[in-house]
Amino acid sequence: MRDLRNYKVPAPAPVTLQGRYVTLEPYDRSEHLEPLWQALGGADAVNELLRYFPQDAFSEAGPFGDWLEAAGRDFGWITLVFRENASGKIVGMASYMRPDPKNGAVEVGSVAHGPGIQRSPLTTEAHYLMARHVFEELGYRRYEWKCHNENEPSKRSAARYGFTFEGIFRQHMISRGANRDTAWFSMIDGEWPVLKQAFETWLAPENFDEQGRQRRRLEDIRAEISQGAAA
């Protein structure tokens, strides 16, 4: 077994992560709040997109920005916004949450993909970049994904990206005046080499046809790599 007596990693800090399709930037209220608010649908649609988040609904951008700032100040969240490389537009966000440097664990949460980028290579690359930073640059052992158990799209995304389902925390919290059972997923450092290879194979330009449609699914690529490694 690995000797962890001298294991030490830093807490996540604001970072810029650049990929082929997307660049992740540390959230800055003056630069990002209004374009992020609009990218997530503005007052007409943002609350539907964030309906499984535990905080109350937002009527305007200001309180939304207050919430993001409080999460960083009070809980150590590092929120990254997604900027589409092709257009330069802000299109989504996610945060490193609940950092536990002592044990090498951190969660990705407050994930919100604007309607224009859902089910696109951009979102997959954003989560690849965040996971790669956690394992390769910070040296963490465990990367978590948690969501409301009724949030089926989030659970499907976690499984697609390669997180392993670990179970349901029943009556985990009260969210918006109702019970929330929370589904827990994780990936760990020993799994990262296979997950990384699958991400990079899927994201390669040759995996997409002239219409931008995938030729092979991420899940199938990962299964093929895993089978080859086990052979």
C-alpha atoms as a PDB file:
ATOM      1  CA  MET A   1       0.000   0.000   0.000  1.00  0.00           C
ATOM      2  CA  ARG A   2       1.071   3.586  -0.664  1.00  0.00           C
ATOM      3  CA  ASP A   3       2.812   5.311   2.242  1.00  0.00           C
ATOM      4  CA  LEU A   4       0.816   8.494   2.887  1.00  0.00           C
ATOM      5  CA  ARG A   5       2.549   9.665   6.046  1.00  0.00           C
ATOM      6  CA  ASN A   6       4.130  12.597   4.208  1.00  0.00           C
ATOM      7  CA  TYR A   7       1.263  13.218   1.805  1.00  0.00           C
ATOM      8  CA  LYS A   8       0.583  16.915   1.398  1.00  0.00           C
ATOM      9  CA  VAL A   9      -1.283  18.879  -1.279  1.00  0.00           C
ATOM     10  CA  PRO A  10      -2.422  22.499  -1.535  1.00  0.00           C
ATOM     11  CA  ALA A  11      -5.975  23.759  -1.452  1.00  0.00           C
ATOM     12  CA  PRO A  12      -7.387  24.578  -4.892  1.00  0.00           C
ATOM     13  CA  ALA A  13      -6.761  28.165  -5.942  1.00  0.00           C
ATOM     14  CA  PRO A  14      -8.031  30.309  -8.815  1.00  0.00           C
ATOM     15  CA  VAL A  15      -6.574  28.962 -12.048  1.00  0.00           C
ATOM     16  CA  THR A  16      -6.941  29.380 -15.808  1.00  0.00           C
ATOM     17  CA  LEU A  17      -7.285  26.134 -17.752  1.00  0.00           C
ATOM     18  CA  GLN A  18      -7.136  26.260 -21.532  1.00  0.00           C
ATOM     19  CA  GLY A  19      -8.287  23.622 -23.976  1.00  0.00           C
ATOM     20  CA  ARG A  20      -9.063  23.291 -27.673  1.00  0.00           C
ATOM     21  CA  TYR A  21     -12.717  24.296 -27.352  1.00  0.00           C
ATOM     22  CA  VAL A  22     -12.952  26.144 -24.051  1.00  0.00           C
ATOM     23  CA  THR A  23     -10.958  28.182 -21.564  1.00  0.00           C
ATOM     24  CA  LEU A  24     -11.844  28.138 -17.865  1.00  0.00           C
ATOM     25  CA  GLU A  25     -11.257  31.390 -16.002  1.00  0.00           C
ATOM     26  CA  PRO A  26     -11.509  32.286 -12.298  1.00  0.00           C
ATOM     27  CA  TYR A  27     -14.832  34.007 -11.689  1.00  0.00           C
ATOM     28  CA  ASP A  28     -14.540  37.786 -11.406  1.00  0.00           C
ATOM     29  CA  ARG A  29     -17.775  39.607 -10.632  1.00  0.00           C
ATOM     30  CA  SER A  30     -16.978  42.760 -12.604  1.00  0.00           C
ATOM     31  CA  GLU A  31     -16.036  40.822 -15.728  1.00  0.00           C
ATOM     32  CA  HIS A  32     -18.194  37.712 -15.630  1.00  0.00           C
ATOM     33  CA  LEU A  33     -21.410  38.219 -13.677  1.00  0.00           C
ATOM     34  CA  GLU A  34     -23.637  39.760 -16.319  1.00  0.00           C
ATOM     35  CA  PRO A  35     -22.488  37.572 -19.253  1.00  0.00           C
ATOM     36  CA  LEU A  36     -22.721  34.461 -17.056  1.00  0.00           C
ATOM     37  CA  TRP A  37     -26.220  35.421 -15.905  1.00  0.00           C
ATOM     38  CA  GLN A  38     -27.309  35.869 -19.509  1.00  0.00           C
ATOM     39  CA  ALA A  39     -25.593  32.662 -20.657  1.00  0.00           C
ATOM     40  CA  LEU A  40     -27.561  30.686 -18.063  1.00  0.00           C
ATOM     41  CA  GLY A  41     -30.820  32.159 -19.324  1.00  0.00           C
ATOM     42  CA  GLY A  42     -31.256  35.349 -17.314  1.00  0.00           C
ATOM     43  CA  ALA A  43     -34.267  35.897 -15.088  1.00  0.00           C
ATOM     44  CA  ASP A  44     -36.529  34.034 -17.513  1.00  0.00           C
ATOM     45  CA  ALA A  45     -34.689  30.707 -17.425  1.00  0.00           C
ATOM     46  CA  VAL A  46     -31.847  30.609 -14.902  1.00  0.00           C
ATOM     47  CA  ASN A  47     -33.945  29.223 -12.054  1.00  0.00           C
ATOM     48  CA  GLU A  48     -35.170  26.329 -14.150  1.00  0.00           C
ATOM     49  CA  LEU A  49     -31.565  25.505 -15.024  1.00  0.00           C
ATOM     50  CA  LEU A  50     -30.558  25.735 -11.340  1.00  0.00           C
ATOM     51  CA  ARG A  51     -33.689  24.113  -9.932  1.00  0.00           C
ATOM     52  CA  TYR A  52     -31.718  21.412  -8.096  1.00  0.00           C
ATOM     53  CA  PHE A  53     -29.337  23.896  -6.451  1.00  0.00           C
ATOM     54  CA  PRO A  54     -30.155  24.262  -2.735  1.00  0.00           C
ATOM     55  CA  GLN A  55     -30.270  28.076  -2.601  1.00  0.00           C
ATOM     56  CA  ASP A  56     -33.438  30.076  -3.202  1.00  0.00           C
ATOM     57  CA  ALA A  57     -34.430  31.257  -6.672  1.00  0.00           C
ATOM     58  CA  PHE A  58     -32.841  34.400  -8.110  1.00  0.00           C
ATOM     59  CA  SER A  59     -34.804  37.306  -9.590  1.00  0.00           C
ATOM     60  CA  GLU A  60     -31.808  39.240 -10.916  1.00  0.00           C
ATOM     61  CA  ALA A  61     -28.064  38.997 -11.448  1.00  0.00           C
ATOM     62  CA  GLY A  62     -27.009  40.829  -8.270  1.00  0.00           C
ATOM     63  CA  PRO A  63     -28.153  38.212  -5.736  1.00  0.00           C
ATOM     64  CA  PHE A  64     -26.752  35.482  -7.970  1.00  0.00           C
ATOM     65  CA  GLY A  65     -23.369  37.220  -7.824  1.00  0.00           C
ATOM     66  CA  ASP A  66     -23.707  37.672  -4.048  1.00  0.00           C
ATOM     67  CA  TRP A  67     -24.248  33.925  -3.692  1.00  0.00           C
ATOM     68  CA  LEU A  68     -21.156  33.076  -5.737  1.00  0.00           C
ATOM     69  CA  GLU A  69     -19.038  35.514  -3.749  1.00  0.00           C
ATOM     70  CA  ALA A  70     -20.315  34.208  -0.406  1.00  0.00           C
ATOM     71  CA  ALA A  71     -19.567  30.624  -1.436  1.00  0.00           C
ATOM     72  CA  GLY A  72     -15.982  31.573  -2.183  1.00  0.00           C
ATOM     73  CA  ARG A  73     -15.534  33.702   0.910  1.00  0.00           C
ATOM     74  CA  ASP A  74     -17.262  31.465   3.449  1.00  0.00           C
ATOM     75  CA  PHE A  75     -16.695  27.956   2.087  1.00  0.00           C
ATOM     76  CA  GLY A  76     -13.585  28.169  -0.070  1.00  0.00           C
ATOM     77  CA  TRP A  77     -15.292  27.464  -3.391  1.00  0.00           C
ATOM     78  CA  ILE A  78     -13.241  28.247  -6.490  1.00  0.00           C
ATOM     79  CA  THR A  79     -15.698  29.090  -9.257  1.00  0.00           C
ATOM     80  CA  LEU A  80     -14.494  28.836 -12.845  1.00  0.00           C
ATOM     81  CA  VAL A  81     -16.451  30.236 -15.765  1.00  0.00           C
ATOM     82  CA  PHE A  82     -16.366  28.641 -19.207  1.00  0.00           C
ATOM     83  CA  ARG A  83     -15.398  30.840 -22.156  1.00  0.00           C
ATOM     84  CA  GLU A  84     -15.981  29.356 -25.604  1.00  0.00           C
ATOM     85  CA  ASN A  85     -12.763  29.746 -27.566  1.00  0.00           C
ATOM     86  CA  ALA A  86     -14.449  30.131 -30.949  1.00  0.00           C
ATOM     87  CA  SER A  87     -16.802  32.960 -29.966  1.00  0.00           C
ATOM     88  CA  GLY A  88     -15.178  34.389 -26.839  1.00  0.00           C
ATOM     89  CA  LYS A  89     -18.530  34.155 -25.040  1.00  0.00           C
ATOM     90  CA  ILE A  90     -19.090  33.055 -21.436  1.00  0.00           C
ATOM     91  CA  VAL A  91     -21.192  29.891 -21.620  1.00  0.00           C
ATOM     92  CA  GLY A  92     -21.218  28.135 -18.234  1.00  0.00           C
ATOM     93  CA  MET A  93     -19.570  27.509 -14.890  1.00  0.00           C
ATOM     94  CA  ALA A  94     -18.488  24.953 -12.300  1.00  0.00           C
ATOM     95  CA  SER A  95     -16.767  25.173  -8.913  1.00  0.00           C
ATOM     96  CA  TYR A  96     -14.186  23.285  -6.917  1.00  0.00           C
ATOM     97  CA  MET A  97     -16.080  22.771  -3.640  1.00  0.00           C
ATOM     98  CA  ARG A  98     -15.490  21.391  -0.133  1.00  0.00           C
ATOM     99  CA  PRO A  99     -11.713  21.141  -0.482  1.00  0.00           C
ATOM    100  CA  ASP A 100     -10.072  18.689   1.900  1.00  0.00           C
ATOM    101  CA  PRO A 101      -6.314  19.009   1.266  1.00  0.00           C
ATOM    102  CA  LYS A 102      -5.434  16.884   4.286  1.00  0.00           C
ATOM    103  CA  ASN A 103      -7.055  13.861   2.645  1.00  0.00           C
ATOM    104  CA  GLY A 104      -6.599  14.913  -0.981  1.00  0.00           C
ATOM    105  CA  ALA A 105     -10.284  15.178  -1.845  1.00  0.00           C
ATOM    106  CA  VAL A 106     -12.303  17.894  -3.568  1.00  0.00           C
ATOM    107  CA  GLU A 107     -15.725  18.085  -5.189  1.00  0.00           C
ATOM    108  CA  VAL A 108     -16.859  19.612  -8.463  1.00  0.00           C
ATOM    109  CA  GLY A 109     -20.230  21.290  -8.082  1.00  0.00           C
ATOM    110  CA  SER A 110     -22.435  24.286  -8.894  1.00  0.00           C
ATOM    111  CA  VAL A 111     -22.236  22.970 -12.441  1.00  0.00           C
ATOM    112  CA  ALA A 112     -24.338  24.968 -14.902  1.00  0.00           C
ATOM    113  CA  HIS A 113     -24.045  24.625 -18.666  1.00  0.00           C
ATOM    114  CA  GLY A 114     -25.768  27.294 -20.736  1.00  0.00           C
ATOM    115  CA  PRO A 115     -28.384  25.967 -23.182  1.00  0.00           C
ATOM    116  CA  GLY A 116     -26.144  26.706 -26.160  1.00  0.00           C
ATOM    117  CA  ILE A 117     -23.385  24.295 -25.104  1.00  0.00           C
ATOM    118  CA  GLN A 118     -25.228  21.374 -23.545  1.00  0.00           C
ATOM    119  CA  ARG A 119     -24.225  18.037 -25.061  1.00  0.00           C
ATOM    120  CA  SER A 120     -21.245  19.611 -26.838  1.00  0.00           C
ATOM    121  CA  PRO A 121     -17.492  18.856 -26.870  1.00  0.00           C
ATOM    122  CA  LEU A 122     -17.001  22.073 -24.932  1.00  0.00           C
ATOM    123  CA  THR A 123     -18.653  20.796 -21.752  1.00  0.00           C
ATOM    124  CA  THR A 124     -16.796  17.502 -21.857  1.00  0.00           C
ATOM    125  CA  GLU A 125     -13.500  19.288 -22.330  1.00  0.00           C
ATOM    126  CA  ALA A 126     -14.255  21.658 -19.433  1.00  0.00           C
ATOM    127  CA  HIS A 127     -14.704  18.721 -17.050  1.00  0.00           C
ATOM    128  CA  TYR A 128     -11.647  16.965 -18.451  1.00  0.00           C
ATOM    129  CA  LEU A 129      -9.573  20.092 -17.780  1.00  0.00           C
ATOM    130  CA  MET A 130     -10.887  20.387 -14.218  1.00  0.00           C
ATOM    131  CA  ALA A 131     -10.205  16.723 -13.436  1.00  0.00           C
ATOM    132  CA  ARG A 132      -6.739  16.859 -14.993  1.00  0.00           C
ATOM    133  CA  HIS A 133      -5.865  19.877 -12.844  1.00  0.00           C
ATOM    134  CA  VAL A 134      -7.026  18.070  -9.703  1.00  0.00           C
ATOM    135  CA  PHE A 135      -5.030  14.912 -10.314  1.00  0.00           C
ATOM    136  CA  GLU A 136      -1.962  16.069 -12.225  1.00  0.00           C
ATOM    137  CA  GLU A 137      -1.299  19.598 -11.001  1.00  0.00           C
ATOM    138  CA  LEU A 138      -2.682  19.490  -7.445  1.00  0.00           C
ATOM    139  CA  GLY A 139      -1.930  15.820  -6.771  1.00  0.00           C
ATOM    140  CA  TYR A 140      -5.314  14.957  -5.261  1.00  0.00           C
ATOM    141  CA  ARG A 141      -6.428  11.396  -4.605  1.00  0.00           C
ATOM    142  CA  ARG A 142     -10.201  11.762  -4.918  1.00  0.00           C
ATOM    143  CA  TYR A 143     -12.517  13.908  -7.056  1.00  0.00           C
ATOM    144  CA  GLU A 144     -16.210  13.946  -6.161  1.00  0.00           C
ATOM    145  CA  TRP A 145     -19.491  14.708  -7.924  1.00  0.00           C
ATOM    146  CA  LYS A 146     -22.673  14.997  -5.863  1.00  0.00           C
ATOM    147  CA  CYS A 147     -26.180  15.926  -6.940  1.00  0.00           C
ATOM    148  CA  HIS A 148     -29.825  15.810  -5.941  1.00  0.00           C
ATOM    149  CA  ASN A 149     -30.948  12.234  -6.483  1.00  0.00           C
ATOM    150  CA  GLU A 150     -33.837  13.478  -8.619  1.00  0.00           C
ATOM    151  CA  ASN A 151     -31.431  15.236 -10.983  1.00  0.00           C
ATOM    152  CA  GLU A 152     -31.239  12.561 -13.661  1.00  0.00           C
ATOM    153  CA  PRO A 153     -29.277  14.677 -16.203  1.00  0.00           C
ATOM    154  CA  SER A 154     -26.561  15.322 -13.613  1.00  0.00           C
ATOM    155  CA  LYS A 155     -26.326  11.646 -12.729  1.00  0.00           C
ATOM    156  CA  ARG A 156     -26.048  10.713 -16.405  1.00  0.00           C
ATOM    157  CA  SER A 157     -23.304  13.300 -16.883  1.00  0.00           C
ATOM    158  CA  ALA A 158     -21.325  11.993 -13.912  1.00  0.00           C
ATOM    159  CA  ALA A 159     -21.463   8.431 -15.232  1.00  0.00           C
ATOM    160  CA  ARG A 160     -20.572   9.549 -18.756  1.00  0.00           C
ATOM    161  CA  TYR A 161     -17.504  11.451 -17.555  1.00  0.00           C
ATOM    162  CA  GLY A 162     -16.290   8.363 -15.702  1.00  0.00           C
ATOM    163  CA  PHE A 163     -17.301   9.042 -12.109  1.00  0.00           C
ATOM    164  CA  THR A 164     -18.245   5.885 -10.192  1.00  0.00           C
ATOM    165  CA  PHE A 165     -21.598   5.845  -8.403  1.00  0.00           C
ATOM    166  CA  GLU A 166     -21.066   5.242  -4.679  1.00  0.00           C
ATOM    167  CA  GLY A 167     -24.568   5.412  -3.244  1.00  0.00           C
ATOM    168  CA  ILE A 168     -27.351   7.625  -1.930  1.00  0.00           C
ATOM    169  CA  PHE A 169     -27.091   9.749   1.206  1.00  0.00           C
ATOM    170  CA  ARG A 170     -30.706   9.596   2.342  1.00  0.00           C
ATOM    171  CA  GLN A 171     -32.235  12.736   3.889  1.00  0.00           C
ATOM    172  CA  HIS A 172     -28.874  14.390   3.373  1.00  0.00           C
ATOM    173  CA  MET A 173     -30.198  17.936   3.576  1.00  0.00           C
ATOM    174  CA  ILE A 174     -33.221  20.201   3.356  1.00  0.00           C
ATOM    175  CA  SER A 175     -33.222  21.981   0.008  1.00  0.00           C
ATOM    176  CA  ARG A 176     -35.719  24.729  -0.819  1.00  0.00           C
ATOM    177  CA  GLY A 177     -37.987  23.566   1.967  1.00  0.00           C
ATOM    178  CA  ALA A 178     -38.001  19.906   0.931  1.00  0.00           C
ATOM    179  CA  ASN A 179     -35.991  16.776   1.567  1.00  0.00           C
ATOM    180  CA  ARG A 180     -32.956  16.079  -0.606  1.00  0.00           C
ATOM    181  CA  ASP A 181     -31.410  12.666  -1.015  1.00  0.00           C
ATOM    182  CA  THR A 182     -27.941  13.093  -2.523  1.00  0.00           C
ATOM    183  CA  ALA A 183     -26.294  10.798  -5.064  1.00  0.00           C
ATOM    184  CA  TRP A 184     -22.522  10.484  -4.585  1.00  0.00           C
ATOM    185  CA  PHE A 185     -20.002   9.764  -7.349  1.00  0.00           C
ATOM    186  CA  SER A 186     -16.213   9.845  -7.436  1.00  0.00           C
ATOM    187  CA  MET A 187     -13.121   9.183  -9.481  1.00  0.00           C
ATOM    188  CA  ILE A 188      -9.775   8.439  -7.855  1.00  0.00           C
ATOM    189  CA  ASP A 189      -6.174   8.941  -8.879  1.00  0.00           C
ATOM    190  CA  GLY A 190      -5.573   5.290  -9.749  1.00  0.00           C
ATOM    191  CA  GLU A 191      -8.372   5.485 -12.326  1.00  0.00           C
ATOM    192  CA  TRP A 192      -7.191   8.716 -13.896  1.00  0.00           C
ATOM    193  CA  PRO A 193      -4.800   7.296 -16.543  1.00  0.00           C
ATOM    194  CA  VAL A 194      -7.636   5.376 -18.225  1.00  0.00           C
ATOM    195  CA  LEU A 195     -10.108   8.226 -17.798  1.00  0.00           C
ATOM    196  CA  LYS A 196      -7.599  10.708 -19.225  1.00  0.00           C
ATOM    197  CA  GLN A 197      -6.854   8.570 -22.267  1.00  0.00           C
ATOM    198  CA  ALA A 198     -10.562   8.155 -22.949  1.00  0.00           C
ATOM    199  CA  PHE A 199     -11.231  11.895 -22.635  1.00  0.00           C
ATOM    200  CA  GLU A 200      -8.380  12.779 -24.968  1.00  0.00           C
ATOM    201  CA  THR A 201      -9.369  10.161 -27.542  1.00  0.00           C
ATOM    202  CA  TRP A 202     -12.975  11.370 -27.529  1.00  0.00           C
ATOM    203  CA  LEU A 203     -11.989  15.045 -27.743  1.00  0.00           C
ATOM    204  CA  ALA A 204      -9.632  14.523 -30.700  1.00  0.00           C
ATOM    205  CA  PRO A 205     -10.865  16.261 -33.889  1.00  0.00           C
ATOM    206  CA  GLU A 206     -10.935  12.969 -35.783  1.00  0.00           C
ATOM    207  CA  ASN A 207     -13.662  11.705 -33.445  1.00  0.00           C
ATOM    208  CA  PHE A 208     -16.141  14.156 -35.000  1.00  0.00           C
ATOM    209  CA  ASP A 209     -17.671  14.151 -38.481  1.00  0.00           C
ATOM    210  CA  GLU A 210     -18.217  17.160 -40.743  1.00  0.00           C
ATOM    211  CA  GLN A 211     -21.404  18.060 -38.839  1.00  0.00           C
ATOM    212  CA  GLY A 212     -19.619  17.912 -35.491  1.00  0.00           C
ATOM    213  CA  ARG A 213     -21.268  14.645 -34.442  1.00  0.00           C
ATOM    214  CA  GLN A 214     -19.265  12.169 -32.392  1.00  0.00           C
ATOM    215  CA  ARG A 215     -18.068   9.024 -34.131  1.00  0.00           C
ATOM    216  CA  ARG A 216     -17.536   7.070 -30.903  1.00  0.00           C
ATOM    217  CA  ARG A 217     -19.104   7.512 -27.480  1.00  0.00           C
ATOM    218  CA  LEU A 218     -16.918   8.420 -24.512  1.00  0.00           C
ATOM    219  CA  GLU A 219     -18.275   5.463 -22.550  1.00  0.00           C
ATOM    220  CA  ASP A 220     -17.377   3.018 -25.335  1.00  0.00           C
ATOM    221  CA  ILE A 221     -13.859   4.405 -25.678  1.00  0.00           C
ATOM    222  CA  ARG A 222     -13.322   4.128 -21.929  1.00  0.00           C
ATOM    223  CA  ALA A 223     -14.611   0.537 -21.851  1.00  0.00           C
ATOM    224  CA  GLU A 224     -12.298  -0.436 -24.716  1.00  0.00           C
ATOM    225  CA  ILE A 225      -9.275   1.092 -23.000  1.00  0.00           C
ATOM    226  CA  SER A 226     -10.159  -0.598 -19.700  1.00  0.00           C
ATOM    227  CA  GLN A 227     -10.533  -3.982 -21.402  1.00  0.00           C
ATOM    228  CA  GLY A 228      -7.197  -3.547 -23.133  1.00  0.00           C
ATOM    229  CA  ALA A 229      -5.491  -2.657 -19.874  1.00  0.00           C
ATOM    230  CA  ALA A 230      -6.944  -5.721 -18.177  1.00  0.00           C
ATOM    231  CA  ALA A 231      -5.970  -8.107 -20.959  1.00  0.00           C
END
